[in-house]
């Protein structure tokens, strides 16, 4: 999976283990969700988090992904990625 353009800071897998979410450092960091078998990027988000994504997690049903940023307010974003 080669969608990131900076260092990856966090990683989470969905409850089934089929999908993975990764977040990177950077002024406008990428959050990527990809298939663990094919390595295909299924979703890629750039906003609204800034300065890096320090943590990421899937909801218990795997439908949502939450990420927290490294900005001064420790902002969070929730994505309905499926």
PDB file of N, CA and C in Angstrom:
ATOM      1  N   UNK A   1       0.853  -1.173   0.000  1.00  0.00           N
ATOM      2  CA  UNK A   1       0.000   0.000   0.000  1.00  0.00           C
ATOM      3  C   UNK A   1       0.895   1.231   0.000  1.00  0.00           C
ATOM      4  N   UNK A   2       0.844   1.988  -1.073  1.00  0.00           N
ATOM      5  CA  UNK A   2       1.783   3.099  -1.251  1.00  0.00           C
ATOM      6  C   UNK A   2       1.093   4.452  -1.354  1.00  0.00           C
ATOM      7  N   UNK A   3      -0.034   4.632  -0.700  1.00  0.00           N
ATOM      8  CA  UNK A   3      -0.793   5.881  -0.803  1.00  0.00           C
ATOM      9  C   UNK A   3      -0.231   7.002   0.059  1.00  0.00           C
ATOM     10  N   UNK A   4       0.494   6.686   1.110  1.00  0.00           N
ATOM     11  CA  UNK A   4       1.015   7.720   2.003  1.00  0.00           C
ATOM     12  C   UNK A   4       2.244   8.399   1.403  1.00  0.00           C
ATOM     13  N   UNK A   5       2.410   9.680   1.746  1.00  0.00           N
ATOM     14  CA  UNK A   5       3.587  10.399   1.272  1.00  0.00           C
ATOM     15  C   UNK A   5       4.449  10.911   2.426  1.00  0.00           C
ATOM     16  N   UNK A   6       4.194  10.407   3.649  1.00  0.00           N
ATOM     17  CA  UNK A   6       4.999  10.743   4.822  1.00  0.00           C
ATOM     18  C   UNK A   6       4.920   9.569   5.794  1.00  0.00           C
ATOM     19  N   UNK A   7       5.569   9.696   6.949  1.00  0.00           N
ATOM     20  CA  UNK A   7       5.622   8.606   7.915  1.00  0.00           C
ATOM     21  C   UNK A   7       4.247   8.258   8.469  1.00  0.00           C
ATOM     22  N   UNK A   8       3.983   6.969   8.617  1.00  0.00           N
ATOM     23  CA  UNK A   8       2.741   6.481   9.208  1.00  0.00           C
ATOM     24  C   UNK A   8       2.889   6.480  10.719  1.00  0.00           C
ATOM     25  N   UNK A   9       1.907   7.081  11.413  1.00  0.00           N
ATOM     26  CA  UNK A   9       1.949   7.186  12.868  1.00  0.00           C
ATOM     27  C   UNK A   9       1.046   6.182  13.576  1.00  0.00           C
ATOM     28  N   UNK A  10      -0.023   5.742  12.915  1.00  0.00           N
ATOM     29  CA  UNK A  10      -0.969   4.858  13.594  1.00  0.00           C
ATOM     30  C   UNK A  10      -1.605   3.904  12.597  1.00  0.00           C
ATOM     31  N   UNK A  11      -2.124   2.806  13.142  1.00  0.00           N
ATOM     32  CA  UNK A  11      -2.716   1.758  12.326  1.00  0.00           C
ATOM     33  C   UNK A  11      -3.793   1.056  13.148  1.00  0.00           C
ATOM     34  N   UNK A  12      -4.890   0.719  12.504  1.00  0.00           N
ATOM     35  CA  UNK A  12      -5.949  -0.063  13.150  1.00  0.00           C
ATOM     36  C   UNK A  12      -6.561  -1.006  12.126  1.00  0.00           C
ATOM     37  N   UNK A  13      -7.039  -2.158  12.588  1.00  0.00           N
ATOM     38  CA  UNK A  13      -7.760  -3.080  11.712  1.00  0.00           C
ATOM     39  C   UNK A  13      -9.222  -3.128  12.143  1.00  0.00           C
ATOM     40  N   UNK A  14     -10.087  -3.402  11.179  1.00  0.00           N
ATOM     41  CA  UNK A  14     -11.514  -3.514  11.488  1.00  0.00           C
ATOM     42  C   UNK A  14     -11.756  -4.832  12.218  1.00  0.00           C
ATOM     43  N   UNK A  15     -12.964  -5.037  12.769  1.00  0.00           N
ATOM     44  CA  UNK A  15     -13.240  -6.263  13.532  1.00  0.00           C
ATOM     45  C   UNK A  15     -13.031  -7.562  12.752  1.00  0.00           C
ATOM     46  N   UNK A  16     -13.162  -7.537  11.442  1.00  0.00           N
ATOM     47  CA  UNK A  16     -12.980  -8.754  10.646  1.00  0.00           C
ATOM     48  C   UNK A  16     -11.524  -9.016  10.282  1.00  0.00           C
ATOM     49  N   UNK A  17     -10.682  -7.981  10.389  1.00  0.00           N
ATOM     50  CA  UNK A  17      -9.288  -8.099   9.984  1.00  0.00           C
ATOM     51  C   UNK A  17      -9.079  -7.907   8.498  1.00  0.00           C
ATOM     52  N   UNK A  18     -10.134  -7.652   7.750  1.00  0.00           N
ATOM     53  CA  UNK A  18     -10.028  -7.486   6.302  1.00  0.00           C
ATOM     54  C   UNK A  18      -9.567  -6.091   5.895  1.00  0.00           C
ATOM     55  N   UNK A  19      -9.888  -5.091   6.713  1.00  0.00           N
ATOM     56  CA  UNK A  19      -9.569  -3.710   6.358  1.00  0.00           C
ATOM     57  C   UNK A  19      -8.662  -3.083   7.405  1.00  0.00           C
ATOM     58  N   UNK A  20      -7.849  -2.164   6.949  1.00  0.00           N
ATOM     59  CA  UNK A  20      -6.895  -1.488   7.811  1.00  0.00           C
ATOM     60  C   UNK A  20      -6.989   0.016   7.561  1.00  0.00           C
ATOM     61  N   UNK A  21      -6.820   0.806   8.608  1.00  0.00           N
ATOM     62  CA  UNK A  21      -6.765   2.261   8.490  1.00  0.00           C
ATOM     63  C   UNK A  21      -5.408   2.715   8.997  1.00  0.00           C
ATOM     64  N   UNK A  22      -4.778   3.613   8.259  1.00  0.00           N
ATOM     65  CA  UNK A  22      -3.485   4.149   8.657  1.00  0.00           C
ATOM     66  C   UNK A  22      -3.528   5.667   8.564  1.00  0.00           C
ATOM     67  N   UNK A  23      -2.850   6.319   9.508  1.00  0.00           N
ATOM     68  CA  UNK A  23      -2.775   7.772   9.525  1.00  0.00           C
ATOM     69  C   UNK A  23      -1.326   8.213   9.541  1.00  0.00           C
ATOM     70  N   UNK A  24      -1.052   9.337   8.919  1.00  0.00           N
ATOM     71  CA  UNK A  24       0.326   9.792   8.782  1.00  0.00           C
ATOM     72  C   UNK A  24       0.554  11.144   9.433  1.00  0.00           C
ATOM     73  N   UNK A  25       1.813  11.504   9.560  1.00  0.00           N
ATOM     74  CA  UNK A  25       2.237  12.807  10.049  1.00  0.00           C
ATOM     75  C   UNK A  25       2.188  13.797   8.892  1.00  0.00           C
ATOM     76  N   UNK A  26       2.150  15.085   9.211  1.00  0.00           N
ATOM     77  CA  UNK A  26       2.212  16.106   8.166  1.00  0.00           C
ATOM     78  C   UNK A  26       1.224  17.226   8.391  1.00  0.00           C
ATOM     79  N   UNK A  27       1.470  18.327   7.725  1.00  0.00           N
ATOM     80  CA  UNK A  27       0.611  19.502   7.866  1.00  0.00           C
ATOM     81  C   UNK A  27      -0.842  19.198   7.495  1.00  0.00           C
ATOM     82  N   UNK A  28      -1.022  18.464   6.402  1.00  0.00           N
ATOM     83  CA  UNK A  28      -2.344  18.018   5.961  1.00  0.00           C
ATOM     84  C   UNK A  28      -2.259  16.506   5.726  1.00  0.00           C
ATOM     85  N   UNK A  29      -2.375  15.718   6.793  1.00  0.00           N
ATOM     86  CA  UNK A  29      -2.109  14.281   6.699  1.00  0.00           C
ATOM     87  C   UNK A  29      -3.211  13.487   6.011  1.00  0.00           C
ATOM     88  N   UNK A  30      -2.810  12.358   5.450  1.00  0.00           N
ATOM     89  CA  UNK A  30      -3.739  11.418   4.836  1.00  0.00           C
ATOM     90  C   UNK A  30      -4.198  10.387   5.857  1.00  0.00           C
ATOM     91  N   UNK A  31      -5.480  10.027   5.771  1.00  0.00           N
ATOM     92  CA  UNK A  31      -6.016   8.848   6.439  1.00  0.00           C
ATOM     93  C   UNK A  31      -6.397   7.895   5.316  1.00  0.00           C
ATOM     94  N   UNK A  32      -5.808   6.722   5.310  1.00  0.00           N
ATOM     95  CA  UNK A  32      -6.078   5.749   4.245  1.00  0.00           C
ATOM     96  C   UNK A  32      -6.716   4.498   4.831  1.00  0.00           C
ATOM     97  N   UNK A  33      -7.691   3.983   4.116  1.00  0.00           N
ATOM     98  CA  UNK A  33      -8.334   2.726   4.482  1.00  0.00           C
ATOM     99  C   UNK A  33      -8.115   1.771   3.328  1.00  0.00           C
ATOM    100  N   UNK A  34      -7.596   0.597   3.637  1.00  0.00           N
ATOM    101  CA  UNK A  34      -7.202  -0.324   2.579  1.00  0.00           C
ATOM    102  C   UNK A  34      -7.503  -1.767   2.940  1.00  0.00           C
ATOM    103  N   UNK A  35      -7.565  -2.585   1.902  1.00  0.00           N
ATOM    104  CA  UNK A  35      -7.830  -4.013   2.022  1.00  0.00           C
ATOM    105  C   UNK A  35      -6.524  -4.720   2.383  1.00  0.00           C
ATOM    106  N   UNK A  36      -6.544  -5.511   3.447  1.00  0.00           N
ATOM    107  CA  UNK A  36      -5.313  -6.158   3.908  1.00  0.00           C
ATOM    108  C   UNK A  36      -4.857  -7.305   3.010  1.00  0.00           C
ATOM    109  N   UNK A  37      -5.753  -7.831   2.186  1.00  0.00           N
ATOM    110  CA  UNK A  37      -5.368  -8.924   1.286  1.00  0.00           C
ATOM    111  C   UNK A  37      -4.829  -8.412  -0.046  1.00  0.00           C
ATOM    112  N   UNK A  38      -5.513  -7.430  -0.634  1.00  0.00           N
ATOM    113  CA  UNK A  38      -5.123  -6.926  -1.952  1.00  0.00           C
ATOM    114  C   UNK A  38      -4.210  -5.704  -1.883  1.00  0.00           C
ATOM    115  N   UNK A  39      -4.135  -5.078  -0.707  1.00  0.00           N
ATOM    116  CA  UNK A  39      -3.365  -3.842  -0.486  1.00  0.00           C
ATOM    117  C   UNK A  39      -3.937  -2.662  -1.269  1.00  0.00           C
ATOM    118  N   UNK A  40      -5.153  -2.794  -1.756  1.00  0.00           N
ATOM    119  CA  UNK A  40      -5.812  -1.720  -2.508  1.00  0.00           C
ATOM    120  C   UNK A  40      -6.354  -0.668  -1.547  1.00  0.00           C
ATOM    121  N   UNK A  41      -6.076   0.599  -1.839  1.00  0.00           N
ATOM    122  CA  UNK A  41      -6.618   1.701  -1.045  1.00  0.00           C
ATOM    123  C   UNK A  41      -8.088   1.884  -1.432  1.00  0.00           C
ATOM    124  N   UNK A  42      -8.978   1.791  -0.451  1.00  0.00           N
ATOM    125  CA  UNK A  42     -10.408   1.876  -0.693  1.00  0.00           C
ATOM    126  C   UNK A  42     -10.965   3.268  -0.409  1.00  0.00           C
ATOM    127  N   UNK A  43     -10.311   4.013   0.463  1.00  0.00           N
ATOM    128  CA  UNK A  43     -10.731   5.380   0.800  1.00  0.00           C
ATOM    129  C   UNK A  43      -9.511   6.156   1.276  1.00  0.00           C
ATOM    130  N   UNK A  44      -9.490   7.440   0.939  1.00  0.00           N
ATOM    131  CA  UNK A  44      -8.367   8.291   1.350  1.00  0.00           C
ATOM    132  C   UNK A  44      -8.930   9.668   1.670  1.00  0.00           C
ATOM    133  N   UNK A  45      -8.653  10.142   2.877  1.00  0.00           N
ATOM    134  CA  UNK A  45      -9.165  11.435   3.338  1.00  0.00           C
ATOM    135  C   UNK A  45      -8.003  12.344   3.718  1.00  0.00           C
ATOM    136  N   UNK A  46      -8.131  13.628   3.398  1.00  0.00           N
ATOM    137  CA  UNK A  46      -7.074  14.580   3.727  1.00  0.00           C
ATOM    138  C   UNK A  46      -7.527  15.608   4.756  1.00  0.00           C
ATOM    139  N   UNK A  47      -8.791  15.881   4.852  1.00  0.00           N
ATOM    140  CA  UNK A  47      -9.283  16.893   5.776  1.00  0.00           C
ATOM    141  C   UNK A  47     -10.211  16.226   6.776  1.00  0.00           C
ATOM    142  N   UNK A  48     -10.461  16.790   7.898  1.00  0.00           N
ATOM    143  CA  UNK A  48     -10.121  18.119   8.401  1.00  0.00           C
ATOM    144  C   UNK A  48      -8.949  18.141   9.373  1.00  0.00           C
ATOM    145  N   UNK A  49      -8.332  17.007   9.679  1.00  0.00           N
ATOM    146  CA  UNK A  49      -7.270  16.966  10.685  1.00  0.00           C
ATOM    147  C   UNK A  49      -5.981  17.594  10.171  1.00  0.00           C
ATOM    148  N   UNK A  50      -5.206  18.175  11.101  1.00  0.00           N
ATOM    149  CA  UNK A  50      -3.953  18.824  10.729  1.00  0.00           C
ATOM    150  C   UNK A  50      -2.815  18.369  11.638  1.00  0.00           C
ATOM    151  N   UNK A  51      -1.603  18.582  11.169  1.00  0.00           N
ATOM    152  CA  UNK A  51      -0.353  18.295  11.881  1.00  0.00           C
ATOM    153  C   UNK A  51      -0.064  16.812  12.083  1.00  0.00           C
ATOM    154  N   UNK A  52      -0.930  15.962  11.639  1.00  0.00           N
ATOM    155  CA  UNK A  52      -0.715  14.525  11.782  1.00  0.00           C
ATOM    156  C   UNK A  52      -1.915  13.848  12.402  1.00  0.00           C
ATOM    157  N   UNK A  53      -2.000  12.563  12.186  1.00  0.00           N
ATOM    158  CA  UNK A  53      -3.050  11.742  12.777  1.00  0.00           C
ATOM    159  C   UNK A  53      -2.368  10.829  13.784  1.00  0.00           C
ATOM    160  N   UNK A  54      -2.707  11.025  15.060  1.00  0.00           N
ATOM    161  CA  UNK A  54      -1.998  10.287  16.111  1.00  0.00           C
ATOM    162  C   UNK A  54      -2.666   8.991  16.516  1.00  0.00           C
ATOM    163  N   UNK A  55      -3.969   8.852  16.230  1.00  0.00           N
ATOM    164  CA  UNK A  55      -4.635   7.591  16.533  1.00  0.00           C
ATOM    165  C   UNK A  55      -5.830   7.392  15.613  1.00  0.00           C
ATOM    166  N   UNK A  56      -6.159   6.136  15.405  1.00  0.00           N
ATOM    167  CA  UNK A  56      -7.257   5.768  14.514  1.00  0.00           C
ATOM    168  C   UNK A  56      -7.900   4.486  15.039  1.00  0.00           C
ATOM    169  N   UNK A  57      -9.227   4.367  14.862  1.00  0.00           N
ATOM    170  CA  UNK A  57      -9.940   3.168  15.314  1.00  0.00           C
ATOM    171  C   UNK A  57     -11.193   2.963  14.477  1.00  0.00           C
ATOM    172  N   UNK A  58     -11.588   1.705  14.326  1.00  0.00           N
ATOM    173  CA  UNK A  58     -12.836   1.348  13.663  1.00  0.00           C
ATOM    174  C   UNK A  58     -13.937   1.199  14.716  1.00  0.00           C
ATOM    175  N   UNK A  59     -15.179   1.459  14.321  1.00  0.00           N
ATOM    176  CA  UNK A  59     -16.317   1.170  15.182  1.00  0.00           C
ATOM    177  C   UNK A  59     -16.483  -0.344  15.283  1.00  0.00           C
ATOM    178  N   UNK A  60     -17.293  -0.793  16.229  1.00  0.00           N
ATOM    179  CA  UNK A  60     -17.450  -2.233  16.448  1.00  0.00           C
ATOM    180  C   UNK A  60     -18.069  -2.956  15.247  1.00  0.00           C
ATOM    181  N   UNK A  61     -18.830  -2.229  14.418  1.00  0.00           N
ATOM    182  CA  UNK A  61     -19.395  -2.852  13.217  1.00  0.00           C
ATOM    183  C   UNK A  61     -18.526  -2.626  11.977  1.00  0.00           C
ATOM    184  N   UNK A  62     -17.437  -1.879  12.114  1.00  0.00           N
ATOM    185  CA  UNK A  62     -16.511  -1.643  11.008  1.00  0.00           C
ATOM    186  C   UNK A  62     -16.972  -0.612  10.003  1.00  0.00           C
ATOM    187  N   UNK A  63     -18.117  -0.008  10.218  1.00  0.00           N
ATOM    188  CA  UNK A  63     -18.673   0.959   9.265  1.00  0.00           C
ATOM    189  C   UNK A  63     -18.053   2.348   9.384  1.00  0.00           C
ATOM    190  N   UNK A  64     -17.592   2.710  10.571  1.00  0.00           N
ATOM    191  CA  UNK A  64     -17.049   4.039  10.827  1.00  0.00           C
ATOM    192  C   UNK A  64     -15.588   3.950  11.228  1.00  0.00           C
ATOM    193  N   UNK A  65     -14.852   5.020  10.932  1.00  0.00           N
ATOM    194  CA  UNK A  65     -13.474   5.157  11.371  1.00  0.00           C
ATOM    195  C   UNK A  65     -13.360   6.497  12.073  1.00  0.00           C
ATOM    196  N   UNK A  66     -12.751   6.502  13.235  1.00  0.00           N
ATOM    197  CA  UNK A  66     -12.509   7.744  13.968  1.00  0.00           C
ATOM    198  C   UNK A  66     -10.999   7.965  14.028  1.00  0.00           C
ATOM    199  N   UNK A  67     -10.603   9.226  13.877  1.00  0.00           N
ATOM    200  CA  UNK A  67      -9.182   9.576  13.918  1.00  0.00           C
ATOM    201  C   UNK A  67      -9.011  10.833  14.751  1.00  0.00           C
ATOM    202  N   UNK A  68      -7.893  10.932  15.454  1.00  0.00           N
ATOM    203  CA  UNK A  68      -7.601  12.139  16.225  1.00  0.00           C
ATOM    204  C   UNK A  68      -6.340  12.795  15.679  1.00  0.00           C
ATOM    205  N   UNK A  69      -6.383  14.122  15.657  1.00  0.00           N
ATOM    206  CA  UNK A  69      -5.289  14.890  15.087  1.00  0.00           C
ATOM    207  C   UNK A  69      -4.282  15.354  16.118  1.00  0.00           C
ATOM    208  N   UNK A  70      -3.169  15.855  15.643  1.00  0.00           N
ATOM    209  CA  UNK A  70      -2.098  16.333  16.496  1.00  0.00           C
ATOM    210  C   UNK A  70      -2.137  17.859  16.676  1.00  0.00           C
ATOM    211  N   UNK A  71      -3.229  18.493  16.283  1.00  0.00           N
ATOM    212  CA  UNK A  71      -3.358  19.935  16.439  1.00  0.00           C
ATOM    213  C   UNK A  71      -3.520  20.292  17.922  1.00  0.00           C
ATOM    214  N   UNK A  72      -3.492  21.562  18.241  1.00  0.00           N
ATOM    215  CA  UNK A  72      -3.561  22.029  19.628  1.00  0.00           C
ATOM    216  C   UNK A  72      -4.848  21.615  20.330  1.00  0.00           C
ATOM    217  N   UNK A  73      -5.938  21.457  19.574  1.00  0.00           N
ATOM    218  CA  UNK A  73      -7.227  21.081  20.163  1.00  0.00           C
ATOM    219  C   UNK A  73      -7.467  19.580  20.190  1.00  0.00           C
ATOM    220  N   UNK A  74      -6.540  18.805  19.656  1.00  0.00           N
ATOM    221  CA  UNK A  74      -6.675  17.348  19.572  1.00  0.00           C
ATOM    222  C   UNK A  74      -8.004  16.979  18.912  1.00  0.00           C
ATOM    223  N   UNK A  75      -8.259  17.585  17.765  1.00  0.00           N
ATOM    224  CA  UNK A  75      -9.512  17.391  17.026  1.00  0.00           C
ATOM    225  C   UNK A  75      -9.715  15.934  16.656  1.00  0.00           C
ATOM    226  N   UNK A  76     -10.989  15.559  16.520  1.00  0.00           N
ATOM    227  CA  UNK A  76     -11.311  14.218  16.038  1.00  0.00           C
ATOM    228  C   UNK A  76     -12.190  14.342  14.806  1.00  0.00           C
ATOM    229  N   UNK A  77     -12.139  13.320  13.993  1.00  0.00           N
ATOM    230  CA  UNK A  77     -12.987  13.254  12.800  1.00  0.00           C
ATOM    231  C   UNK A  77     -13.527  11.837  12.692  1.00  0.00           C
ATOM    232  N   UNK A  78     -14.780  11.735  12.277  1.00  0.00           N
ATOM    233  CA  UNK A  78     -15.421  10.435  12.095  1.00  0.00           C
ATOM    234  C   UNK A  78     -15.805  10.301  10.629  1.00  0.00           C
ATOM    235  N   UNK A  79     -15.437   9.185  10.032  1.00  0.00           N
ATOM    236  CA  UNK A  79     -15.686   8.955   8.616  1.00  0.00           C
ATOM    237  C   UNK A  79     -16.562   7.720   8.437  1.00  0.00           C
ATOM    238  N   UNK A  80     -17.647   7.854   7.664  1.00  0.00           N
ATOM    239  CA  UNK A  80     -18.459   6.713   7.248  1.00  0.00           C
ATOM    240  C   UNK A  80     -17.865   6.265   5.924  1.00  0.00           C
ATOM    241  N   UNK A  81     -16.914   5.379   5.986  1.00  0.00           N
ATOM    242  CA  UNK A  81     -16.071   5.085   4.828  1.00  0.00           C
ATOM    243  C   UNK A  81     -16.659   4.066   3.860  1.00  0.00           C
ATOM    244  N   UNK A  82     -17.567   3.234   4.288  1.00  0.00           N
ATOM    245  CA  UNK A  82     -18.094   2.176   3.405  1.00  0.00           C
ATOM    246  C   UNK A  82     -19.136   2.711   2.455  1.00  0.00           C
TER     247      UNK A  82
END
